[in-house]
């Protein structure tokens, strides 16, 4: 989703940009460079969790490997002979595609069901004056991003307008028990408790048959005649 914000200070939701879980890893750095008389680079840091950062690293390694294979193929063909240059270009393209495809497939397999993409969770397209332009694959994070910076939103797209409308309707019908405000400390504690439940499931105690309490045996047979 395209998001455009006007301002030099931007707020970021406290959730992973890719899957929406609690961000417990290093931030993802989205960069953009403007070439004028001198190259100017700006960057913004988006929160991420450890699982999403793991599959992002796999994805980026495939992209780097593809570039390396392509470069080595061209250099090798150029060194051998001129006639091998065309063949080298074809082989370089095929090799780089295969390397990237394999790494990207492994990254997709490492995703969780709530992940928006296997690759970069956000792209900083660039800026014009004070307007910062982003592309965010996750609709839920993009919506939360817009809500965090409502007063700075400019050039709202139809997709973003629809997502904000849907989020507004959902928030009106959603009730928070007791009106409790979830602070950063509470979110961290909830995340740690859920993680502990996943890693250390509670063991159900079983009582062996010999340790079970003795139950008196019930007599089997005809009932004694009742007195008249």
Foldseek 3Di string as FASTA:
>chain_A
DKFKFFAPDADADQAALFQGAGQDDFWDKAKDWDDDVHIDMDIDTHGHHPLLVVLQVLLVVLQVVLVVLQVVLQVVQVVVDPVSNVVSNVVSNVVSVVSNVVSLVVLVVSDDPRGQGSHDQKHFHDDDNRMTMIDGRDLVRSQVRCVRRVVGTDPQDPSNVVSVVVVVVVVVPDDDVVPDDQDPVNSVVVVVVVVCCVVPPDDDDDDDPVRDDDDDDDDDDDDDDDDD
